[in-house]
Amino acid sequence: MNILVAHLYLASHAGEKLEEPEGERPVLDIGGAQAVFLDNLPNGVQYVALGHLHRRIKMQHRNVPVIYSGSPLSYSMSEADQDKAVTIVDLEPGKGASAKEVLLHSGRKVHRKTSESVTDAITWLEVNRNTLVELTIISDTYLSADQRKALYSTHDGIVDIIPQLKDAQKETQAVLTPANLSKSVEDLFKEYFEHDTTQAPNDEMIDLLREIMKAEEE
């Protein structure tokens, strides 16, 4: 039986450019080595098993299965919603290989989830408990400490919570005017915050500002 097992970058001249995983050493140009093309595979090889890339990739060359099996578990957000599998190969001398894909279900899948509210996010988290999730919350104001606590207490697989303000990226046409220093510090802070973020500060931020001002007075 002739099997090629390698840790290299294999590609076809006309095929897709294979993406490398986030946070992983680049497989290209290791020790000055360049990509190896499918046409460079030796004659008589029955099966090619490849490593390094986390995503499962199946290719074919002269009826020979060429497979990056991928990582058995997801550990990068670049692998969100990918299916993980192992390959079972049947081989006999002088015959073509038969490669069978067996999906893996025991590990946690990685998801990127976007919700329009904390309530919607909690509902999704309760249904999808056996996951690792990067959670984006779109809201009118910043998340409070209580809201973050509610999210983390609902699910033990939250990797990160990303608050995204509505219209935060929208260009504003506001004309800059001098600040009215006769106003209170609290009012000036609210004006500055709204100008800088296009959103009003939440009650938690105002309470924190008041605590800071009280400490300064003491």
N, C-alpha and C. Protein backbone atom coordinates (compact mmCIF):
# COMPACT_ATOMS: atom_id res chain seq x y z
N MET A 1 0.86 -1.19 0.00
CA MET A 1 0.00 0.00 0.00
C MET A 1 0.89 1.24 0.00
N ASN A 2 0.49 2.26 -0.74
CA ASN A 2 1.26 3.48 -0.85
C ASN A 2 0.46 4.66 -0.30
N ILE A 3 0.85 5.16 0.88
CA ILE A 3 0.16 6.26 1.54
C ILE A 3 1.16 7.41 1.73
N LEU A 4 0.75 8.61 1.39
CA LEU A 4 1.56 9.79 1.64
C LEU A 4 0.96 10.55 2.82
N VAL A 5 1.74 10.71 3.89
CA VAL A 5 1.32 11.48 5.06
C VAL A 5 2.26 12.68 5.17
N ALA A 6 1.73 13.88 5.17
CA ALA A 6 2.59 15.06 5.14
C ALA A 6 1.95 16.25 5.85
N HIS A 7 2.82 17.17 6.28
CA HIS A 7 2.41 18.42 6.91
C HIS A 7 2.92 19.53 5.99
N LEU A 8 2.14 19.82 4.95
CA LEU A 8 2.56 20.79 3.95
C LEU A 8 1.35 21.45 3.32
N TYR A 9 1.64 22.43 2.49
CA TYR A 9 0.59 23.16 1.80
C TYR A 9 0.47 22.59 0.40
N LEU A 10 -0.62 21.87 0.16
CA LEU A 10 -0.86 21.22 -1.13
C LEU A 10 -2.01 21.93 -1.83
N ALA A 11 -1.83 22.26 -3.08
CA ALA A 11 -2.86 23.01 -3.80
C ALA A 11 -2.87 22.61 -5.26
N SER A 12 -3.96 22.94 -5.91
CA SER A 12 -4.05 22.73 -7.36
C SER A 12 -3.79 24.05 -8.05
N HIS A 13 -3.33 24.00 -9.28
CA HIS A 13 -3.02 25.23 -10.02
C HIS A 13 -4.27 26.10 -10.20
N ALA A 14 -5.42 25.46 -10.36
CA ALA A 14 -6.65 26.21 -10.63
C ALA A 14 -7.59 26.23 -9.44
N GLY A 15 -7.21 25.57 -8.34
CA GLY A 15 -8.12 25.45 -7.20
C GLY A 15 -8.10 26.66 -6.28
N GLU A 16 -8.90 26.58 -5.21
CA GLU A 16 -9.00 27.68 -4.26
C GLU A 16 -7.71 27.80 -3.44
N LYS A 17 -7.46 29.02 -2.97
CA LYS A 17 -6.33 29.24 -2.07
C LYS A 17 -6.77 28.83 -0.66
N LEU A 18 -6.11 27.87 -0.10
CA LEU A 18 -6.52 27.37 1.20
C LEU A 18 -6.14 28.35 2.30
N GLU A 19 -7.10 28.67 3.15
CA GLU A 19 -6.85 29.63 4.22
C GLU A 19 -6.25 28.93 5.43
N GLU A 20 -5.30 29.60 6.06
CA GLU A 20 -4.68 29.06 7.24
C GLU A 20 -5.41 29.56 8.48
N PRO A 21 -5.36 28.81 9.57
CA PRO A 21 -6.12 29.16 10.77
C PRO A 21 -5.56 30.38 11.49
N GLU A 22 -6.45 31.09 12.20
CA GLU A 22 -6.03 32.23 13.01
C GLU A 22 -5.10 31.75 14.13
N GLY A 23 -4.05 32.50 14.39
CA GLY A 23 -3.18 32.17 15.50
C GLY A 23 -2.27 30.98 15.27
N GLU A 24 -2.24 30.44 14.06
CA GLU A 24 -1.40 29.28 13.76
C GLU A 24 -0.20 29.71 12.93
N ARG A 25 0.91 29.01 13.13
CA ARG A 25 2.08 29.31 12.30
C ARG A 25 1.75 29.08 10.83
N PRO A 26 2.23 29.96 9.96
CA PRO A 26 1.95 29.74 8.53
C PRO A 26 2.65 28.48 8.03
N VAL A 27 1.93 27.69 7.25
CA VAL A 27 2.50 26.46 6.72
C VAL A 27 3.31 26.75 5.44
N LEU A 28 3.01 27.88 4.80
CA LEU A 28 3.75 28.23 3.59
C LEU A 28 5.18 28.64 3.92
N ASP A 29 6.08 28.30 3.05
CA ASP A 29 7.48 28.73 3.14
C ASP A 29 8.19 28.22 4.39
N ILE A 30 7.78 27.07 4.94
CA ILE A 30 8.50 26.49 6.06
C ILE A 30 9.88 26.07 5.58
N GLY A 31 10.91 26.62 6.19
CA GLY A 31 12.27 26.29 5.77
C GLY A 31 12.56 26.65 4.33
N GLY A 32 11.80 27.59 3.77
CA GLY A 32 12.00 27.99 2.38
C GLY A 32 11.22 27.16 1.39
N ALA A 33 10.45 26.16 1.87
CA ALA A 33 9.69 25.30 0.96
C ALA A 33 8.46 26.04 0.44
N GLN A 34 8.15 25.85 -0.81
CA GLN A 34 6.99 26.47 -1.42
C GLN A 34 5.81 25.49 -1.43
N ALA A 35 4.68 25.97 -1.91
CA ALA A 35 3.52 25.10 -2.03
C ALA A 35 3.80 23.95 -2.99
N VAL A 36 3.25 22.81 -2.68
CA VAL A 36 3.36 21.62 -3.54
C VAL A 36 2.04 21.47 -4.28
N PHE A 37 2.09 21.27 -5.58
CA PHE A 37 0.87 21.15 -6.37
C PHE A 37 0.49 19.68 -6.54
N LEU A 38 -0.79 19.47 -6.77
CA LEU A 38 -1.29 18.10 -6.93
C LEU A 38 -0.55 17.33 -8.02
N ASP A 39 -0.15 18.04 -9.07
CA ASP A 39 0.56 17.38 -10.17
C ASP A 39 1.92 16.83 -9.73
N ASN A 40 2.43 17.30 -8.57
CA ASN A 40 3.72 16.83 -8.08
C ASN A 40 3.64 15.54 -7.29
N LEU A 41 2.41 15.06 -7.02
CA LEU A 41 2.27 13.83 -6.26
C LEU A 41 2.84 12.65 -7.05
N PRO A 42 3.50 11.74 -6.38
CA PRO A 42 4.11 10.61 -7.09
C PRO A 42 3.06 9.65 -7.65
N ASN A 43 3.39 9.04 -8.74
CA ASN A 43 2.50 8.02 -9.31
C ASN A 43 2.44 6.82 -8.37
N GLY A 44 1.29 6.20 -8.33
CA GLY A 44 1.13 5.00 -7.52
C GLY A 44 0.65 5.24 -6.10
N VAL A 45 0.61 6.51 -5.65
CA VAL A 45 0.10 6.78 -4.32
C VAL A 45 -1.40 6.52 -4.30
N GLN A 46 -1.87 5.90 -3.20
CA GLN A 46 -3.29 5.54 -3.12
C GLN A 46 -4.11 6.51 -2.28
N TYR A 47 -3.46 7.13 -1.30
CA TYR A 47 -4.18 8.03 -0.41
C TYR A 47 -3.20 9.07 0.14
N VAL A 48 -3.64 10.34 0.23
CA VAL A 48 -2.80 11.42 0.75
C VAL A 48 -3.49 12.02 1.97
N ALA A 49 -2.82 11.89 3.13
CA ALA A 49 -3.34 12.43 4.39
C ALA A 49 -2.52 13.65 4.77
N LEU A 50 -3.19 14.80 4.92
CA LEU A 50 -2.50 16.06 5.17
C LEU A 50 -2.89 16.67 6.51
N GLY A 51 -1.95 17.44 7.09
CA GLY A 51 -2.19 18.09 8.36
C GLY A 51 -1.95 19.58 8.30
N HIS A 52 -2.17 20.25 9.41
CA HIS A 52 -1.96 21.67 9.68
C HIS A 52 -3.25 22.49 9.60
N LEU A 53 -3.95 22.49 8.50
CA LEU A 53 -5.14 23.31 8.38
C LEU A 53 -6.26 22.76 9.26
N HIS A 54 -6.93 23.64 10.01
CA HIS A 54 -7.97 23.20 10.94
C HIS A 54 -9.28 22.85 10.23
N ARG A 55 -9.50 23.48 9.09
CA ARG A 55 -10.74 23.21 8.34
C ARG A 55 -10.58 21.94 7.54
N ARG A 56 -11.61 21.11 7.51
CA ARG A 56 -11.59 19.88 6.73
C ARG A 56 -11.70 20.22 5.25
N ILE A 57 -10.74 19.73 4.45
CA ILE A 57 -10.73 20.02 3.02
C ILE A 57 -10.50 18.72 2.26
N LYS A 58 -11.37 18.43 1.31
CA LYS A 58 -11.25 17.22 0.50
C LYS A 58 -10.92 17.59 -0.95
N MET A 59 -9.90 16.95 -1.48
CA MET A 59 -9.51 17.13 -2.88
C MET A 59 -9.39 15.75 -3.53
N GLN A 60 -9.24 15.76 -4.81
CA GLN A 60 -9.11 14.51 -5.56
C GLN A 60 -8.08 14.71 -6.67
N HIS A 61 -7.22 13.70 -6.85
CA HIS A 61 -6.22 13.79 -7.91
C HIS A 61 -6.02 12.40 -8.52
N ARG A 62 -6.37 12.27 -9.81
CA ARG A 62 -6.27 10.96 -10.48
C ARG A 62 -6.98 9.86 -9.69
N ASN A 63 -8.17 10.17 -9.23
CA ASN A 63 -8.99 9.24 -8.44
C ASN A 63 -8.36 8.90 -7.08
N VAL A 64 -7.39 9.69 -6.64
CA VAL A 64 -6.75 9.49 -5.33
C VAL A 64 -7.34 10.49 -4.34
N PRO A 65 -7.91 10.05 -3.21
CA PRO A 65 -8.40 10.99 -2.20
C PRO A 65 -7.23 11.75 -1.56
N VAL A 66 -7.35 13.08 -1.53
CA VAL A 66 -6.36 13.96 -0.92
C VAL A 66 -7.11 14.79 0.12
N ILE A 67 -6.82 14.54 1.41
CA ILE A 67 -7.69 15.08 2.46
C ILE A 67 -6.90 15.74 3.59
N TYR A 68 -7.26 17.00 3.87
CA TYR A 68 -6.91 17.62 5.15
C TYR A 68 -8.03 17.23 6.11
N SER A 69 -7.73 16.39 7.07
CA SER A 69 -8.79 15.91 7.97
C SER A 69 -9.31 17.01 8.88
N GLY A 70 -8.47 18.03 9.13
CA GLY A 70 -8.89 19.12 10.02
C GLY A 70 -8.71 18.76 11.47
N SER A 71 -8.85 19.74 12.34
CA SER A 71 -8.72 19.49 13.78
C SER A 71 -9.99 18.81 14.30
N PRO A 72 -9.86 17.90 15.27
CA PRO A 72 -11.04 17.21 15.79
C PRO A 72 -11.93 18.11 16.65
N LEU A 73 -11.36 19.20 17.20
CA LEU A 73 -12.12 20.14 18.01
C LEU A 73 -11.91 21.55 17.50
N SER A 74 -12.91 22.40 17.68
CA SER A 74 -12.79 23.81 17.31
C SER A 74 -12.14 24.56 18.47
N TYR A 75 -11.14 25.39 18.15
CA TYR A 75 -10.58 26.21 19.22
C TYR A 75 -10.26 27.62 18.71
N SER A 76 -10.79 28.01 17.58
CA SER A 76 -10.62 29.35 17.04
C SER A 76 -11.95 29.81 16.46
N MET A 77 -12.22 31.12 16.58
CA MET A 77 -13.46 31.66 16.04
C MET A 77 -13.51 31.58 14.52
N SER A 78 -12.35 31.38 13.89
CA SER A 78 -12.35 31.20 12.43
C SER A 78 -13.00 29.87 12.05
N GLU A 79 -13.21 28.98 13.03
CA GLU A 79 -13.82 27.68 12.78
C GLU A 79 -15.31 27.65 13.13
N ALA A 80 -15.91 28.82 13.32
CA ALA A 80 -17.31 28.89 13.70
C ALA A 80 -18.18 28.14 12.70
N ASP A 81 -19.07 27.30 13.25
CA ASP A 81 -20.07 26.54 12.48
C ASP A 81 -19.48 25.50 11.53
N GLN A 82 -18.21 25.15 11.73
CA GLN A 82 -17.62 24.08 10.92
C GLN A 82 -17.96 22.72 11.51
N ASP A 83 -18.21 21.74 10.64
CA ASP A 83 -18.37 20.36 11.07
C ASP A 83 -17.00 19.72 11.21
N LYS A 84 -16.80 18.95 12.29
CA LYS A 84 -15.55 18.24 12.52
C LYS A 84 -15.78 16.76 12.24
N ALA A 85 -14.74 16.09 11.72
CA ALA A 85 -14.89 14.69 11.33
C ALA A 85 -13.55 13.98 11.35
N VAL A 86 -13.62 12.68 11.33
CA VAL A 86 -12.44 11.84 11.09
C VAL A 86 -12.67 11.08 9.79
N THR A 87 -11.60 10.59 9.21
CA THR A 87 -11.69 9.86 7.94
C THR A 87 -11.26 8.42 8.14
N ILE A 88 -12.12 7.51 7.77
CA ILE A 88 -11.79 6.08 7.81
C ILE A 88 -11.50 5.63 6.38
N VAL A 89 -10.31 5.09 6.19
CA VAL A 89 -9.86 4.74 4.84
C VAL A 89 -9.67 3.23 4.72
N ASP A 90 -10.27 2.65 3.70
CA ASP A 90 -10.07 1.23 3.38
C ASP A 90 -9.08 1.15 2.21
N LEU A 91 -8.01 0.36 2.42
CA LEU A 91 -6.96 0.25 1.40
C LEU A 91 -6.59 -1.20 1.14
N GLU A 92 -6.37 -1.49 -0.12
CA GLU A 92 -5.82 -2.78 -0.52
C GLU A 92 -4.74 -2.54 -1.56
N PRO A 93 -3.68 -3.33 -1.56
CA PRO A 93 -2.60 -3.11 -2.53
C PRO A 93 -3.12 -3.11 -3.96
N GLY A 94 -2.70 -2.11 -4.72
CA GLY A 94 -3.03 -2.05 -6.13
C GLY A 94 -4.44 -1.61 -6.44
N LYS A 95 -5.22 -1.22 -5.42
CA LYS A 95 -6.61 -0.80 -5.64
C LYS A 95 -6.81 0.63 -5.15
N GLY A 96 -7.87 1.25 -5.64
CA GLY A 96 -8.19 2.60 -5.21
C GLY A 96 -8.66 2.64 -3.77
N ALA A 97 -8.38 3.71 -3.09
CA ALA A 97 -8.76 3.86 -1.69
C ALA A 97 -10.22 4.28 -1.56
N SER A 98 -10.85 3.79 -0.49
CA SER A 98 -12.21 4.20 -0.16
C SER A 98 -12.15 5.00 1.14
N ALA A 99 -12.51 6.29 1.07
CA ALA A 99 -12.44 7.18 2.23
C ALA A 99 -13.84 7.53 2.69
N LYS A 100 -14.10 7.28 3.98
CA LYS A 100 -15.43 7.54 4.55
C LYS A 100 -15.31 8.60 5.64
N GLU A 101 -16.18 9.58 5.58
CA GLU A 101 -16.20 10.66 6.58
C GLU A 101 -17.14 10.30 7.72
N VAL A 102 -16.66 10.43 8.96
CA VAL A 102 -17.49 10.19 10.14
C VAL A 102 -17.52 11.47 10.96
N LEU A 103 -18.67 12.10 11.06
CA LEU A 103 -18.80 13.36 11.79
C LEU A 103 -18.62 13.16 13.29
N LEU A 104 -18.01 14.12 13.93
CA LEU A 104 -17.82 14.10 15.38
C LEU A 104 -18.86 15.00 16.04
N HIS A 105 -19.43 14.52 17.14
CA HIS A 105 -20.50 15.26 17.80
C HIS A 105 -20.21 15.55 19.27
N SER A 106 -19.16 14.98 19.83
CA SER A 106 -18.94 15.10 21.28
C SER A 106 -18.38 16.46 21.69
N GLY A 107 -17.58 17.10 20.86
CA GLY A 107 -16.98 18.39 21.21
C GLY A 107 -17.96 19.53 21.02
N ARG A 108 -17.67 20.64 21.66
CA ARG A 108 -18.51 21.82 21.52
C ARG A 108 -18.24 22.53 20.19
N LYS A 109 -19.29 22.90 19.50
CA LYS A 109 -19.14 23.69 18.29
C LYS A 109 -18.92 25.15 18.66
N VAL A 110 -18.21 25.86 17.78
CA VAL A 110 -17.96 27.28 17.96
C VAL A 110 -18.96 28.07 17.11
N HIS A 111 -19.59 29.08 17.73
CA HIS A 111 -20.57 29.89 17.02
C HIS A 111 -20.24 31.37 17.19
N ARG A 112 -20.57 32.15 16.17
CA ARG A 112 -20.64 33.60 16.29
C ARG A 112 -22.12 33.98 16.21
N LYS A 113 -22.65 34.53 17.30
CA LYS A 113 -24.08 34.82 17.38
C LYS A 113 -24.29 36.31 17.59
N THR A 114 -25.22 36.89 16.81
CA THR A 114 -25.59 38.29 16.97
C THR A 114 -27.05 38.38 17.38
N SER A 115 -27.33 39.14 18.44
CA SER A 115 -28.70 39.30 18.93
C SER A 115 -29.04 40.77 19.04
N GLU A 116 -30.32 41.06 18.87
CA GLU A 116 -30.79 42.44 18.93
C GLU A 116 -31.07 42.91 20.35
N SER A 117 -31.05 41.99 21.31
CA SER A 117 -31.29 42.38 22.70
C SER A 117 -30.71 41.32 23.62
N VAL A 118 -30.55 41.67 24.88
CA VAL A 118 -30.06 40.71 25.87
C VAL A 118 -31.07 39.58 26.05
N THR A 119 -32.35 39.91 26.01
CA THR A 119 -33.40 38.89 26.16
C THR A 119 -33.33 37.85 25.06
N ASP A 120 -33.18 38.31 23.82
CA ASP A 120 -33.06 37.37 22.70
C ASP A 120 -31.80 36.51 22.84
N ALA A 121 -30.72 37.13 23.29
CA ALA A 121 -29.47 36.39 23.46
C ALA A 121 -29.63 35.29 24.52
N ILE A 122 -30.27 35.61 25.63
CA ILE A 122 -30.46 34.62 26.69
C ILE A 122 -31.33 33.47 26.20
N THR A 123 -32.36 33.77 25.41
CA THR A 123 -33.21 32.71 24.86
C THR A 123 -32.40 31.76 23.99
N TRP A 124 -31.52 32.32 23.14
CA TRP A 124 -30.68 31.48 22.27
C TRP A 124 -29.68 30.68 23.10
N LEU A 125 -29.09 31.30 24.10
CA LEU A 125 -28.10 30.61 24.94
C LEU A 125 -28.71 29.43 25.68
N GLU A 126 -29.95 29.58 26.14
CA GLU A 126 -30.62 28.50 26.87
C GLU A 126 -30.88 27.29 25.98
N VAL A 127 -31.10 27.54 24.69
CA VAL A 127 -31.37 26.44 23.76
C VAL A 127 -30.07 25.79 23.28
N ASN A 128 -29.00 26.58 23.15
CA ASN A 128 -27.73 26.10 22.59
C ASN A 128 -26.65 26.07 23.68
N ARG A 129 -26.81 25.17 24.63
CA ARG A 129 -25.91 25.13 25.77
C ARG A 129 -24.58 24.46 25.45
N ASN A 130 -24.57 23.46 24.60
CA ASN A 130 -23.34 22.72 24.32
C ASN A 130 -22.55 23.40 23.20
N THR A 131 -22.22 24.66 23.41
CA THR A 131 -21.51 25.44 22.40
C THR A 131 -20.48 26.35 23.07
N LEU A 132 -19.55 26.84 22.25
CA LEU A 132 -18.70 27.96 22.61
C LEU A 132 -19.14 29.11 21.70
N VAL A 133 -19.36 30.29 22.27
CA VAL A 133 -19.99 31.34 21.49
C VAL A 133 -19.31 32.69 21.71
N GLU A 134 -19.12 33.40 20.59
CA GLU A 134 -18.75 34.80 20.62
C GLU A 134 -20.04 35.58 20.37
N LEU A 135 -20.48 36.32 21.37
CA LEU A 135 -21.80 36.92 21.37
C LEU A 135 -21.72 38.42 21.11
N THR A 136 -22.42 38.87 20.06
CA THR A 136 -22.52 40.29 19.77
C THR A 136 -23.93 40.76 20.11
N ILE A 137 -24.03 41.80 20.94
CA ILE A 137 -25.32 42.36 21.34
C ILE A 137 -25.46 43.74 20.72
N ILE A 138 -26.49 43.92 19.88
CA ILE A 138 -26.78 45.22 19.29
C ILE A 138 -27.83 45.92 20.15
N SER A 139 -27.49 47.11 20.65
CA SER A 139 -28.41 47.80 21.55
C SER A 139 -28.28 49.30 21.41
N ASP A 140 -29.19 50.02 22.08
CA ASP A 140 -29.19 51.48 22.03
C ASP A 140 -28.19 52.08 23.00
N THR A 141 -27.75 51.30 23.97
CA THR A 141 -26.83 51.80 24.97
C THR A 141 -25.88 50.70 25.39
N TYR A 142 -24.87 51.04 26.17
CA TYR A 142 -23.89 50.05 26.59
C TYR A 142 -24.51 49.05 27.54
N LEU A 143 -23.95 47.83 27.57
CA LEU A 143 -24.44 46.81 28.48
C LEU A 143 -24.09 47.16 29.91
N SER A 144 -25.03 46.93 30.79
CA SER A 144 -24.77 47.17 32.21
C SER A 144 -24.09 45.95 32.82
N ALA A 145 -23.56 46.11 34.03
CA ALA A 145 -22.92 45.00 34.73
C ALA A 145 -23.93 43.89 35.00
N ASP A 146 -25.17 44.28 35.33
CA ASP A 146 -26.21 43.27 35.60
C ASP A 146 -26.55 42.48 34.34
N GLN A 147 -26.57 43.15 33.19
CA GLN A 147 -26.87 42.44 31.94
C GLN A 147 -25.75 41.46 31.59
N ARG A 148 -24.50 41.87 31.78
CA ARG A 148 -23.37 40.96 31.53
C ARG A 148 -23.44 39.77 32.48
N LYS A 149 -23.75 40.04 33.73
CA LYS A 149 -23.85 38.97 34.72
C LYS A 149 -24.94 37.97 34.33
N ALA A 150 -26.07 38.47 33.83
CA ALA A 150 -27.17 37.60 33.43
C ALA A 150 -26.76 36.71 32.26
N LEU A 151 -26.01 37.28 31.32
CA LEU A 151 -25.56 36.50 30.16
C LEU A 151 -24.59 35.40 30.58
N TYR A 152 -23.59 35.77 31.37
CA TYR A 152 -22.58 34.78 31.78
C TYR A 152 -23.17 33.71 32.70
N SER A 153 -24.15 34.07 33.52
CA SER A 153 -24.76 33.07 34.41
C SER A 153 -25.68 32.12 33.65
N THR A 154 -26.12 32.52 32.44
CA THR A 154 -26.99 31.66 31.64
C THR A 154 -26.21 30.57 30.93
N HIS A 155 -24.96 30.85 30.57
CA HIS A 155 -24.20 29.95 29.69
C HIS A 155 -22.74 29.94 30.10
N ASP A 156 -22.15 28.74 30.21
CA ASP A 156 -20.76 28.64 30.65
C ASP A 156 -19.78 28.58 29.48
N GLY A 157 -20.28 28.76 28.25
CA GLY A 157 -19.40 28.66 27.09
C GLY A 157 -19.22 29.97 26.34
N ILE A 158 -19.51 31.09 27.01
CA ILE A 158 -19.35 32.39 26.35
C ILE A 158 -17.87 32.74 26.32
N VAL A 159 -17.33 32.87 25.12
CA VAL A 159 -15.92 33.24 24.95
C VAL A 159 -15.74 34.74 25.08
N ASP A 160 -16.67 35.50 24.50
CA ASP A 160 -16.56 36.96 24.54
C ASP A 160 -17.93 37.56 24.30
N ILE A 161 -18.18 38.72 24.90
CA ILE A 161 -19.39 39.49 24.65
C ILE A 161 -18.98 40.82 24.01
N ILE A 162 -19.51 41.09 22.82
CA ILE A 162 -19.16 42.29 22.09
C ILE A 162 -20.39 43.19 21.99
N PRO A 163 -20.41 44.31 22.74
CA PRO A 163 -21.54 45.24 22.61
C PRO A 163 -21.37 46.09 21.35
N GLN A 164 -22.43 46.21 20.60
CA GLN A 164 -22.39 47.01 19.37
C GLN A 164 -23.53 48.01 19.41
N LEU A 165 -23.20 49.29 19.44
CA LEU A 165 -24.21 50.32 19.52
C LEU A 165 -24.87 50.54 18.16
N LYS A 166 -26.17 50.73 18.18
CA LYS A 166 -26.88 51.05 16.94
C LYS A 166 -26.42 52.41 16.43
N ASP A 167 -26.20 52.47 15.13
CA ASP A 167 -25.80 53.72 14.46
C ASP A 167 -24.44 54.23 14.94
N ALA A 168 -23.64 53.36 15.59
CA ALA A 168 -22.35 53.82 16.11
C ALA A 168 -21.40 54.21 14.99
N GLN A 169 -21.57 53.54 13.83
CA GLN A 169 -20.67 53.81 12.72
C GLN A 169 -21.21 54.89 11.77
N LYS A 170 -22.39 55.37 12.06
CA LYS A 170 -23.01 56.34 11.16
C LYS A 170 -22.32 57.70 11.27
N GLU A 171 -22.05 58.30 10.14
CA GLU A 171 -21.40 59.60 10.16
C GLU A 171 -22.39 60.65 10.66
N THR A 172 -21.90 61.54 11.51
CA THR A 172 -22.75 62.59 12.04
C THR A 172 -22.43 63.90 11.32
N GLN A 173 -23.46 64.72 11.18
CA GLN A 173 -23.32 66.01 10.52
C GLN A 173 -23.36 67.15 11.54
N ALA A 174 -23.18 66.83 12.81
CA ALA A 174 -23.29 67.83 13.86
C ALA A 174 -22.19 68.87 13.71
N VAL A 175 -22.55 70.12 13.95
CA VAL A 175 -21.59 71.21 13.90
C VAL A 175 -21.03 71.41 15.30
N LEU A 176 -19.71 71.46 15.42
CA LEU A 176 -19.08 71.64 16.71
C LEU A 176 -19.34 73.06 17.21
N THR A 177 -19.79 73.15 18.46
CA THR A 177 -20.01 74.45 19.09
C THR A 177 -19.29 74.47 20.43
N PRO A 178 -18.87 75.64 20.88
CA PRO A 178 -18.18 75.72 22.17
C PRO A 178 -19.08 75.21 23.29
N ALA A 179 -18.46 74.54 24.27
CA ALA A 179 -19.22 74.01 25.40
C ALA A 179 -19.71 75.15 26.29
N ASN A 180 -20.91 74.99 26.79
CA ASN A 180 -21.48 75.96 27.72
C ASN A 180 -21.03 75.59 29.13
N LEU A 181 -19.99 76.28 29.62
CA LEU A 181 -19.39 75.90 30.90
C LEU A 181 -20.26 76.28 32.09
N SER A 182 -21.38 76.95 31.83
CA SER A 182 -22.28 77.26 32.94
C SER A 182 -23.13 76.05 33.33
N LYS A 183 -23.12 75.02 32.47
CA LYS A 183 -23.88 73.81 32.76
C LYS A 183 -23.16 72.97 33.80
N SER A 184 -23.89 72.04 34.40
CA SER A 184 -23.30 71.14 35.39
C SER A 184 -22.37 70.14 34.72
N VAL A 185 -21.45 69.58 35.53
CA VAL A 185 -20.53 68.57 35.01
C VAL A 185 -21.31 67.39 34.43
N GLU A 186 -22.40 67.01 35.08
CA GLU A 186 -23.19 65.87 34.61
C GLU A 186 -23.79 66.15 33.23
N ASP A 187 -24.32 67.36 33.03
CA ASP A 187 -24.90 67.71 31.73
C ASP A 187 -23.82 67.79 30.65
N LEU A 188 -22.66 68.34 31.02
CA LEU A 188 -21.56 68.41 30.06
C LEU A 188 -21.09 67.02 29.66
N PHE A 189 -21.03 66.12 30.63
CA PHE A 189 -20.62 64.74 30.33
C PHE A 189 -21.62 64.08 29.38
N LYS A 190 -22.92 64.29 29.63
CA LYS A 190 -23.94 63.70 28.76
C LYS A 190 -23.81 64.22 27.33
N GLU A 191 -23.57 65.53 27.19
CA GLU A 191 -23.42 66.10 25.85
C GLU A 191 -22.19 65.53 25.14
N TYR A 192 -21.08 65.45 25.88
CA TYR A 192 -19.86 64.91 25.28
C TYR A 192 -20.04 63.46 24.86
N PHE A 193 -20.66 62.67 25.74
CA PHE A 193 -20.84 61.24 25.46
C PHE A 193 -21.72 61.05 24.24
N GLU A 194 -22.81 61.80 24.14
CA GLU A 194 -23.72 61.67 23.00
C GLU A 194 -23.04 62.12 21.71
N HIS A 195 -22.21 63.17 21.80
CA HIS A 195 -21.49 63.62 20.61
C HIS A 195 -20.47 62.57 20.15
N ASP A 196 -19.81 61.93 21.12
CA ASP A 196 -18.73 60.99 20.78
C ASP A 196 -19.25 59.65 20.32
N THR A 197 -20.39 59.19 20.85
CA THR A 197 -20.88 57.83 20.57
C THR A 197 -22.22 57.80 19.85
N THR A 198 -22.89 58.94 19.73
CA THR A 198 -24.24 59.04 19.18
C THR A 198 -25.27 58.33 20.06
N GLN A 199 -24.88 58.00 21.29
CA GLN A 199 -25.78 57.33 22.22
C GLN A 199 -25.76 58.06 23.56
N ALA A 200 -26.87 57.96 24.29
CA ALA A 200 -26.91 58.55 25.62
C ALA A 200 -26.26 57.60 26.63
N PRO A 201 -25.55 58.12 27.64
CA PRO A 201 -24.98 57.23 28.66
C PRO A 201 -26.08 56.58 29.48
N ASN A 202 -25.84 55.34 29.89
CA ASN A 202 -26.86 54.66 30.69
C ASN A 202 -26.77 55.09 32.15
N ASP A 203 -27.74 54.63 32.95
CA ASP A 203 -27.81 55.04 34.36
C ASP A 203 -26.57 54.60 35.13
N GLU A 204 -26.01 53.44 34.76
CA GLU A 204 -24.83 52.94 35.46
C GLU A 204 -23.64 53.89 35.28
N MET A 205 -23.49 54.44 34.09
CA MET A 205 -22.40 55.39 33.84
C MET A 205 -22.61 56.68 34.61
N ILE A 206 -23.84 57.16 34.65
CA ILE A 206 -24.14 58.38 35.39
C ILE A 206 -23.88 58.18 36.88
N ASP A 207 -24.28 57.03 37.42
CA ASP A 207 -24.02 56.74 38.84
C ASP A 207 -22.53 56.71 39.12
N LEU A 208 -21.74 56.14 38.20
CA LEU A 208 -20.30 56.09 38.38
C LEU A 208 -19.70 57.50 38.35
N LEU A 209 -20.19 58.33 37.44
CA LEU A 209 -19.73 59.72 37.38
C LEU A 209 -20.01 60.43 38.70
N ARG A 210 -21.19 60.22 39.25
CA ARG A 210 -21.55 60.87 40.52
C ARG A 210 -20.66 60.39 41.66
N GLU A 211 -20.31 59.11 41.65
CA GLU A 211 -19.41 58.59 42.69
C GLU A 211 -18.03 59.23 42.60
N ILE A 212 -17.55 59.39 41.36
CA ILE A 212 -16.24 60.02 41.15
C ILE A 212 -16.26 61.48 41.62
N MET A 213 -17.33 62.18 41.28
CA MET A 213 -17.45 63.59 41.67
C MET A 213 -17.54 63.73 43.19
N LYS A 214 -18.25 62.80 43.82
CA LYS A 214 -18.38 62.84 45.28
C LYS A 214 -17.03 62.58 45.94
N ALA A 215 -16.27 61.63 45.38
CA ALA A 215 -14.94 61.31 45.94
C ALA A 215 -14.01 62.51 45.79
N GLU A 216 -14.12 63.25 44.67
CA GLU A 216 -13.27 64.42 44.46
C GLU A 216 -13.59 65.51 45.47
N GLU A 217 -14.88 65.67 45.78
CA GLU A 217 -15.29 66.69 46.75
C GLU A 217 -14.78 66.38 48.15
N GLU A 218 -14.73 65.07 48.47
CA GLU A 218 -14.27 64.68 49.81
C GLU A 218 -12.75 64.82 49.93
